[in-house]
Amino acid sequence: MADRVRLSCWSSPNRLVIGLKIKNLLGQLHSEVEELVQIDTGYSEEILVPYSLFEKLNLQYWSLPEQQKPVGTTVTGQLIHFIEAYAEVIIPKTGEQHSVIVQTFVGNTRFLIGRAFLRRFKVILDGPGKQTCLLTPS
């Protein structure tokens, strides 16, 4: 018997996106409505959040120890010292919540979903249909 799955899709004519919310460990949400966050398969970690969002949610209270903070390198050779913290990701369309490690760095304005988060799902990147979909068990 085939597994029953549900298809949840987001319209994404110009970029590949999934709608989500970030929540700190005290339950404070970054937004009352889902935000469409871009998928970046070149980003290997779970979620990259803007530095201002990291501060708004006081995620520094759940930061990982200093010695575990990774360092990245941009294509131009610039070193990036990441700040990491525990948080929750809510996907309102699927009703799912996932514990994650979010990353940021001073001055970051990008909000991205990386490969480590996507590995939790079956993802359809539907270019002709201009949408991104998640297949989840029903």
N, C-alpha and C. Protein backbone atom coordinates (compact mmCIF):
# COMPACT_ATOMS: atom_id res chain seq x y z
N MET A 1 0.84 -1.18 0.00
CA MET A 1 0.00 0.00 0.00
C MET A 1 0.89 1.24 0.00
N ALA A 2 0.57 2.21 -0.82
CA ALA A 2 1.35 3.44 -0.93
C ALA A 2 1.11 4.31 0.30
N ASP A 3 2.17 5.01 0.72
CA ASP A 3 2.03 5.96 1.82
C ASP A 3 1.20 7.14 1.36
N ARG A 4 0.37 7.65 2.25
CA ARG A 4 -0.44 8.83 1.92
C ARG A 4 0.37 10.07 2.28
N VAL A 5 0.45 10.99 1.34
CA VAL A 5 1.20 12.22 1.56
C VAL A 5 0.34 13.43 1.20
N ARG A 6 0.71 14.53 1.79
CA ARG A 6 0.04 15.80 1.50
C ARG A 6 1.06 16.70 0.81
N LEU A 7 0.60 17.43 -0.17
CA LEU A 7 1.45 18.35 -0.92
C LEU A 7 1.12 19.76 -0.47
N SER A 8 2.11 20.47 0.09
CA SER A 8 1.95 21.87 0.51
C SER A 8 2.86 22.70 -0.35
N CYS A 9 2.30 23.71 -1.04
CA CYS A 9 3.08 24.48 -2.02
C CYS A 9 3.02 25.97 -1.74
N TRP A 10 4.09 26.65 -2.16
CA TRP A 10 4.19 28.10 -2.09
C TRP A 10 4.49 28.61 -3.48
N SER A 11 3.77 29.61 -3.89
CA SER A 11 4.02 30.23 -5.18
C SER A 11 5.37 30.95 -5.12
N SER A 12 6.20 30.69 -6.09
CA SER A 12 7.55 31.27 -6.07
C SER A 12 8.00 31.59 -7.49
N PRO A 13 7.41 32.61 -8.10
CA PRO A 13 7.74 32.91 -9.49
C PRO A 13 9.18 33.36 -9.72
N ASN A 14 9.81 34.02 -8.73
CA ASN A 14 11.16 34.56 -8.94
C ASN A 14 12.24 33.86 -8.13
N ARG A 15 11.85 33.10 -7.12
CA ARG A 15 12.82 32.42 -6.27
C ARG A 15 12.14 31.23 -5.61
N LEU A 16 12.93 30.31 -5.11
CA LEU A 16 12.41 29.11 -4.44
C LEU A 16 12.24 29.43 -2.96
N VAL A 17 11.01 29.29 -2.45
CA VAL A 17 10.72 29.71 -1.08
C VAL A 17 9.85 28.69 -0.35
N ILE A 18 9.93 28.75 0.98
CA ILE A 18 9.03 28.02 1.87
C ILE A 18 8.56 29.02 2.92
N GLY A 19 7.29 28.97 3.27
CA GLY A 19 6.76 29.86 4.30
C GLY A 19 6.99 29.30 5.69
N LEU A 20 7.59 30.13 6.56
CA LEU A 20 7.86 29.68 7.92
C LEU A 20 7.86 30.83 8.91
N LYS A 21 7.95 30.44 10.18
CA LYS A 21 8.09 31.38 11.28
C LYS A 21 9.23 30.87 12.16
N ILE A 22 9.98 31.78 12.75
CA ILE A 22 11.02 31.43 13.72
C ILE A 22 10.49 31.75 15.11
N LYS A 23 10.75 30.85 16.04
CA LYS A 23 10.29 31.03 17.42
C LYS A 23 11.45 30.78 18.37
N ASN A 24 11.62 31.66 19.36
CA ASN A 24 12.66 31.39 20.36
C ASN A 24 12.15 30.35 21.35
N LEU A 25 13.01 29.91 22.25
CA LEU A 25 12.65 28.81 23.14
C LEU A 25 11.69 29.21 24.25
N LEU A 26 11.36 30.51 24.34
CA LEU A 26 10.32 30.96 25.27
C LEU A 26 8.97 31.11 24.57
N GLY A 27 8.95 30.86 23.26
CA GLY A 27 7.70 30.90 22.52
C GLY A 27 7.44 32.18 21.75
N GLN A 28 8.37 33.15 21.78
CA GLN A 28 8.18 34.40 21.04
C GLN A 28 8.41 34.17 19.55
N LEU A 29 7.42 34.55 18.73
CA LEU A 29 7.51 34.39 17.28
C LEU A 29 8.10 35.63 16.63
N HIS A 30 8.80 35.43 15.54
CA HIS A 30 9.36 36.58 14.82
C HIS A 30 8.28 37.30 14.02
N SER A 31 7.17 36.62 13.71
CA SER A 31 6.08 37.20 12.94
C SER A 31 4.82 36.40 13.22
N GLU A 32 3.68 37.05 13.17
CA GLU A 32 2.40 36.37 13.36
C GLU A 32 1.98 35.60 12.11
N VAL A 33 2.49 36.01 10.96
CA VAL A 33 2.17 35.33 9.70
C VAL A 33 3.45 34.71 9.15
N GLU A 34 3.29 33.67 8.33
CA GLU A 34 4.48 33.04 7.76
C GLU A 34 5.21 34.01 6.86
N GLU A 35 6.53 33.88 6.85
CA GLU A 35 7.36 34.67 5.96
C GLU A 35 7.92 33.73 4.90
N LEU A 36 7.89 34.16 3.65
CA LEU A 36 8.46 33.35 2.58
C LEU A 36 9.96 33.50 2.62
N VAL A 37 10.64 32.39 2.90
CA VAL A 37 12.10 32.39 3.07
C VAL A 37 12.73 31.62 1.91
N GLN A 38 13.75 32.22 1.34
CA GLN A 38 14.40 31.65 0.16
C GLN A 38 15.23 30.41 0.49
N ILE A 39 15.13 29.42 -0.39
CA ILE A 39 15.97 28.23 -0.31
C ILE A 39 17.30 28.54 -0.99
N ASP A 40 18.39 28.15 -0.34
CA ASP A 40 19.72 28.34 -0.91
C ASP A 40 20.49 27.03 -0.76
N THR A 41 20.55 26.25 -1.83
CA THR A 41 21.24 24.95 -1.76
C THR A 41 22.75 25.10 -1.66
N GLY A 42 23.25 26.31 -1.80
CA GLY A 42 24.68 26.57 -1.60
C GLY A 42 25.02 26.79 -0.13
N TYR A 43 23.99 26.95 0.70
CA TYR A 43 24.17 27.14 2.14
C TYR A 43 23.97 25.78 2.81
N SER A 44 25.01 25.28 3.46
CA SER A 44 24.99 23.90 3.95
C SER A 44 24.29 23.71 5.30
N GLU A 45 24.08 24.77 6.04
CA GLU A 45 23.49 24.63 7.38
C GLU A 45 21.96 24.69 7.32
N GLU A 46 21.31 24.86 8.50
CA GLU A 46 19.85 24.80 8.55
C GLU A 46 19.19 26.13 8.14
N ILE A 47 19.30 27.13 9.00
CA ILE A 47 18.62 28.41 8.76
C ILE A 47 19.59 29.55 9.05
N LEU A 48 19.69 30.48 8.11
CA LEU A 48 20.46 31.71 8.31
C LEU A 48 19.45 32.83 8.52
N VAL A 49 19.55 33.54 9.64
CA VAL A 49 18.61 34.62 9.93
C VAL A 49 19.32 35.96 9.91
N PRO A 50 18.58 37.02 9.59
CA PRO A 50 19.19 38.35 9.68
C PRO A 50 19.63 38.63 11.11
N TYR A 51 20.72 39.37 11.25
CA TYR A 51 21.24 39.70 12.58
C TYR A 51 20.18 40.43 13.41
N SER A 52 19.40 41.31 12.78
CA SER A 52 18.36 42.06 13.51
C SER A 52 17.28 41.11 14.06
N LEU A 53 16.97 40.05 13.34
CA LEU A 53 15.99 39.07 13.82
C LEU A 53 16.57 38.28 15.00
N PHE A 54 17.84 37.93 14.92
CA PHE A 54 18.53 37.23 16.01
C PHE A 54 18.43 38.06 17.29
N GLU A 55 18.66 39.37 17.15
CA GLU A 55 18.57 40.26 18.31
C GLU A 55 17.13 40.42 18.79
N LYS A 56 16.19 40.59 17.85
CA LYS A 56 14.77 40.79 18.20
C LYS A 56 14.23 39.63 19.03
N LEU A 57 14.63 38.41 18.68
CA LEU A 57 14.16 37.22 19.40
C LEU A 57 15.04 36.86 20.60
N ASN A 58 16.05 37.70 20.88
CA ASN A 58 16.98 37.45 22.01
C ASN A 58 17.59 36.07 21.94
N LEU A 59 17.94 35.63 20.74
CA LEU A 59 18.47 34.28 20.57
C LEU A 59 19.86 34.10 21.21
N GLN A 60 20.51 35.20 21.56
CA GLN A 60 21.80 35.07 22.22
C GLN A 60 21.68 34.29 23.53
N TYR A 61 20.49 34.25 24.13
CA TYR A 61 20.28 33.49 25.37
C TYR A 61 20.40 31.99 25.15
N TRP A 62 20.24 31.55 23.90
CA TRP A 62 20.32 30.14 23.57
C TRP A 62 21.50 29.86 22.63
N SER A 63 22.50 30.76 22.69
CA SER A 63 23.68 30.60 21.83
C SER A 63 24.47 29.37 22.20
N LEU A 64 25.09 28.79 21.18
CA LEU A 64 26.01 27.68 21.40
C LEU A 64 27.31 28.23 21.98
N PRO A 65 28.06 27.40 22.69
CA PRO A 65 29.32 27.86 23.29
C PRO A 65 30.27 28.45 22.25
N GLU A 66 31.04 29.42 22.69
CA GLU A 66 31.97 30.15 21.84
C GLU A 66 32.91 29.24 21.05
N GLN A 67 33.42 28.19 21.69
CA GLN A 67 34.38 27.31 21.02
C GLN A 67 33.76 26.49 19.89
N GLN A 68 32.44 26.41 19.82
CA GLN A 68 31.78 25.63 18.77
C GLN A 68 31.35 26.48 17.57
N LYS A 69 31.57 27.79 17.65
CA LYS A 69 31.11 28.67 16.57
C LYS A 69 31.95 28.47 15.32
N PRO A 70 31.27 28.19 14.22
CA PRO A 70 32.01 27.97 12.97
C PRO A 70 32.44 29.28 12.31
N VAL A 71 33.42 29.13 11.44
CA VAL A 71 33.89 30.25 10.63
C VAL A 71 33.67 29.87 9.18
N GLY A 72 33.11 30.79 8.41
CA GLY A 72 32.89 30.55 6.99
C GLY A 72 33.75 31.49 6.17
N THR A 73 33.82 31.20 4.90
CA THR A 73 34.57 32.04 3.97
C THR A 73 33.70 32.36 2.77
N THR A 74 33.64 33.64 2.41
CA THR A 74 32.87 34.03 1.23
C THR A 74 33.66 33.72 -0.03
N VAL A 75 33.02 33.87 -1.19
CA VAL A 75 33.72 33.62 -2.45
C VAL A 75 34.86 34.60 -2.67
N THR A 76 34.82 35.75 -1.98
CA THR A 76 35.91 36.73 -2.10
C THR A 76 37.01 36.50 -1.07
N GLY A 77 36.84 35.47 -0.23
CA GLY A 77 37.86 35.14 0.77
C GLY A 77 37.66 35.79 2.12
N GLN A 78 36.59 36.56 2.29
CA GLN A 78 36.31 37.20 3.56
C GLN A 78 35.88 36.15 4.59
N LEU A 79 36.43 36.23 5.80
CA LEU A 79 36.04 35.32 6.89
C LEU A 79 34.77 35.82 7.55
N ILE A 80 33.86 34.87 7.84
CA ILE A 80 32.62 35.18 8.54
C ILE A 80 32.60 34.37 9.83
N HIS A 81 32.43 35.07 10.95
CA HIS A 81 32.33 34.41 12.25
C HIS A 81 30.86 34.27 12.60
N PHE A 82 30.36 33.05 12.47
CA PHE A 82 28.95 32.79 12.71
C PHE A 82 28.62 32.79 14.19
N ILE A 83 27.42 33.24 14.49
CA ILE A 83 26.83 33.14 15.82
C ILE A 83 25.69 32.14 15.66
N GLU A 84 25.63 31.14 16.55
CA GLU A 84 24.61 30.10 16.44
C GLU A 84 23.79 30.02 17.71
N ALA A 85 22.51 29.66 17.54
CA ALA A 85 21.62 29.50 18.69
C ALA A 85 20.55 28.48 18.37
N TYR A 86 19.98 27.92 19.42
CA TYR A 86 18.85 27.01 19.27
C TYR A 86 17.58 27.83 19.07
N ALA A 87 16.70 27.33 18.22
CA ALA A 87 15.40 27.98 17.97
C ALA A 87 14.45 26.92 17.43
N GLU A 88 13.23 27.35 17.16
CA GLU A 88 12.21 26.48 16.56
C GLU A 88 11.78 27.09 15.24
N VAL A 89 11.50 26.23 14.26
CA VAL A 89 10.93 26.67 12.98
C VAL A 89 9.55 26.07 12.89
N ILE A 90 8.58 26.92 12.59
CA ILE A 90 7.20 26.48 12.39
C ILE A 90 6.87 26.66 10.91
N ILE A 91 6.30 25.62 10.33
CA ILE A 91 5.81 25.70 8.95
C ILE A 91 4.29 25.65 9.05
N PRO A 92 3.64 26.82 9.04
CA PRO A 92 2.19 26.86 9.25
C PRO A 92 1.38 26.01 8.27
N LYS A 93 1.77 25.96 7.01
CA LYS A 93 1.00 25.20 6.02
C LYS A 93 0.96 23.71 6.31
N THR A 94 2.01 23.19 6.91
CA THR A 94 2.05 21.75 7.19
C THR A 94 1.73 21.44 8.65
N GLY A 95 1.73 22.48 9.50
CA GLY A 95 1.49 22.27 10.93
C GLY A 95 2.68 21.68 11.66
N GLU A 96 3.85 21.75 11.05
CA GLU A 96 5.04 21.15 11.65
C GLU A 96 5.86 22.18 12.42
N GLN A 97 6.58 21.66 13.43
CA GLN A 97 7.54 22.47 14.18
C GLN A 97 8.82 21.65 14.30
N HIS A 98 9.96 22.30 14.07
CA HIS A 98 11.25 21.62 14.09
C HIS A 98 12.25 22.40 14.94
N SER A 99 12.99 21.68 15.78
CA SER A 99 14.10 22.29 16.51
C SER A 99 15.28 22.42 15.57
N VAL A 100 15.89 23.59 15.57
CA VAL A 100 16.99 23.86 14.64
C VAL A 100 18.08 24.66 15.34
N ILE A 101 19.20 24.75 14.66
CA ILE A 101 20.25 25.69 15.02
C ILE A 101 20.24 26.76 13.94
N VAL A 102 19.97 28.00 14.36
CA VAL A 102 20.01 29.11 13.42
C VAL A 102 21.38 29.76 13.49
N GLN A 103 21.78 30.34 12.38
CA GLN A 103 23.05 31.05 12.31
C GLN A 103 22.81 32.49 11.87
N THR A 104 23.73 33.36 12.25
CA THR A 104 23.78 34.72 11.76
C THR A 104 25.21 35.20 11.91
N PHE A 105 25.46 36.41 11.50
CA PHE A 105 26.73 37.08 11.76
C PHE A 105 26.44 38.58 11.78
N VAL A 106 27.30 39.33 12.43
CA VAL A 106 27.09 40.77 12.56
C VAL A 106 26.98 41.37 11.16
N GLY A 107 25.88 42.11 10.96
CA GLY A 107 25.66 42.76 9.67
C GLY A 107 24.86 41.94 8.67
N ASN A 108 24.55 40.69 8.97
CA ASN A 108 23.81 39.86 8.02
C ASN A 108 22.37 40.36 7.85
N THR A 109 21.93 40.42 6.59
CA THR A 109 20.54 40.81 6.29
C THR A 109 19.79 39.70 5.57
N ARG A 110 20.46 38.60 5.27
CA ARG A 110 19.84 37.51 4.51
C ARG A 110 19.09 36.55 5.42
N PHE A 111 17.98 36.01 4.90
CA PHE A 111 17.16 35.01 5.58
C PHE A 111 17.08 33.84 4.61
N LEU A 112 17.72 32.71 4.96
CA LEU A 112 17.85 31.60 4.03
C LEU A 112 17.55 30.26 4.70
N ILE A 113 17.05 29.34 3.89
CA ILE A 113 16.88 27.94 4.29
C ILE A 113 17.98 27.16 3.59
N GLY A 114 18.75 26.41 4.37
CA GLY A 114 19.87 25.66 3.81
C GLY A 114 19.60 24.16 3.66
N ARG A 115 20.59 23.48 3.14
CA ARG A 115 20.46 22.04 2.85
C ARG A 115 20.20 21.20 4.09
N ALA A 116 20.82 21.53 5.21
CA ALA A 116 20.63 20.72 6.41
C ALA A 116 19.16 20.70 6.86
N PHE A 117 18.45 21.81 6.67
CA PHE A 117 17.02 21.85 7.01
C PHE A 117 16.21 21.09 5.96
N LEU A 118 16.54 21.25 4.70
CA LEU A 118 15.80 20.60 3.62
C LEU A 118 15.89 19.09 3.66
N ARG A 119 16.95 18.55 4.27
CA ARG A 119 17.11 17.08 4.34
C ARG A 119 16.00 16.42 5.15
N ARG A 120 15.21 17.19 5.86
CA ARG A 120 14.10 16.64 6.64
C ARG A 120 12.87 16.33 5.77
N PHE A 121 12.89 16.78 4.53
CA PHE A 121 11.68 16.76 3.69
C PHE A 121 11.95 16.18 2.32
N LYS A 122 10.84 15.83 1.67
CA LYS A 122 10.85 15.61 0.23
C LYS A 122 10.38 16.94 -0.35
N VAL A 123 11.23 17.55 -1.18
CA VAL A 123 10.97 18.88 -1.71
C VAL A 123 10.82 18.80 -3.22
N ILE A 124 9.81 19.49 -3.73
CA ILE A 124 9.63 19.59 -5.18
C ILE A 124 9.91 21.04 -5.56
N LEU A 125 10.90 21.23 -6.43
CA LEU A 125 11.20 22.54 -6.97
C LEU A 125 10.59 22.56 -8.37
N ASP A 126 9.41 23.11 -8.47
CA ASP A 126 8.62 23.08 -9.70
C ASP A 126 8.81 24.38 -10.47
N GLY A 127 9.85 24.42 -11.31
CA GLY A 127 10.14 25.60 -12.11
C GLY A 127 9.02 25.99 -13.05
N PRO A 128 8.55 25.07 -13.90
CA PRO A 128 7.46 25.42 -14.82
C PRO A 128 6.19 25.86 -14.08
N GLY A 129 5.90 25.24 -12.94
CA GLY A 129 4.71 25.61 -12.16
C GLY A 129 4.94 26.81 -11.26
N LYS A 130 6.19 27.30 -11.21
CA LYS A 130 6.56 28.46 -10.40
C LYS A 130 6.13 28.29 -8.95
N GLN A 131 6.51 27.12 -8.38
CA GLN A 131 6.19 26.87 -6.99
C GLN A 131 7.20 25.94 -6.35
N THR A 132 7.24 25.98 -5.03
CA THR A 132 8.05 25.07 -4.22
C THR A 132 7.08 24.29 -3.35
N CYS A 133 7.25 22.98 -3.29
CA CYS A 133 6.30 22.14 -2.54
C CYS A 133 7.03 21.22 -1.58
N LEU A 134 6.39 20.92 -0.46
CA LEU A 134 6.86 19.91 0.49
C LEU A 134 5.87 18.77 0.48
N LEU A 135 6.39 17.55 0.44
CA LEU A 135 5.58 16.35 0.59
C LEU A 135 5.69 15.90 2.03
N THR A 136 4.55 15.87 2.73
CA THR A 136 4.57 15.46 4.13
C THR A 136 3.55 14.34 4.34
N PRO A 137 3.82 13.46 5.29
CA PRO A 137 2.85 12.38 5.57
C PRO A 137 1.50 12.96 5.98
N SER A 138 0.43 12.33 5.51
CA SER A 138 -0.91 12.84 5.90
C SER A 138 -1.52 11.95 6.96
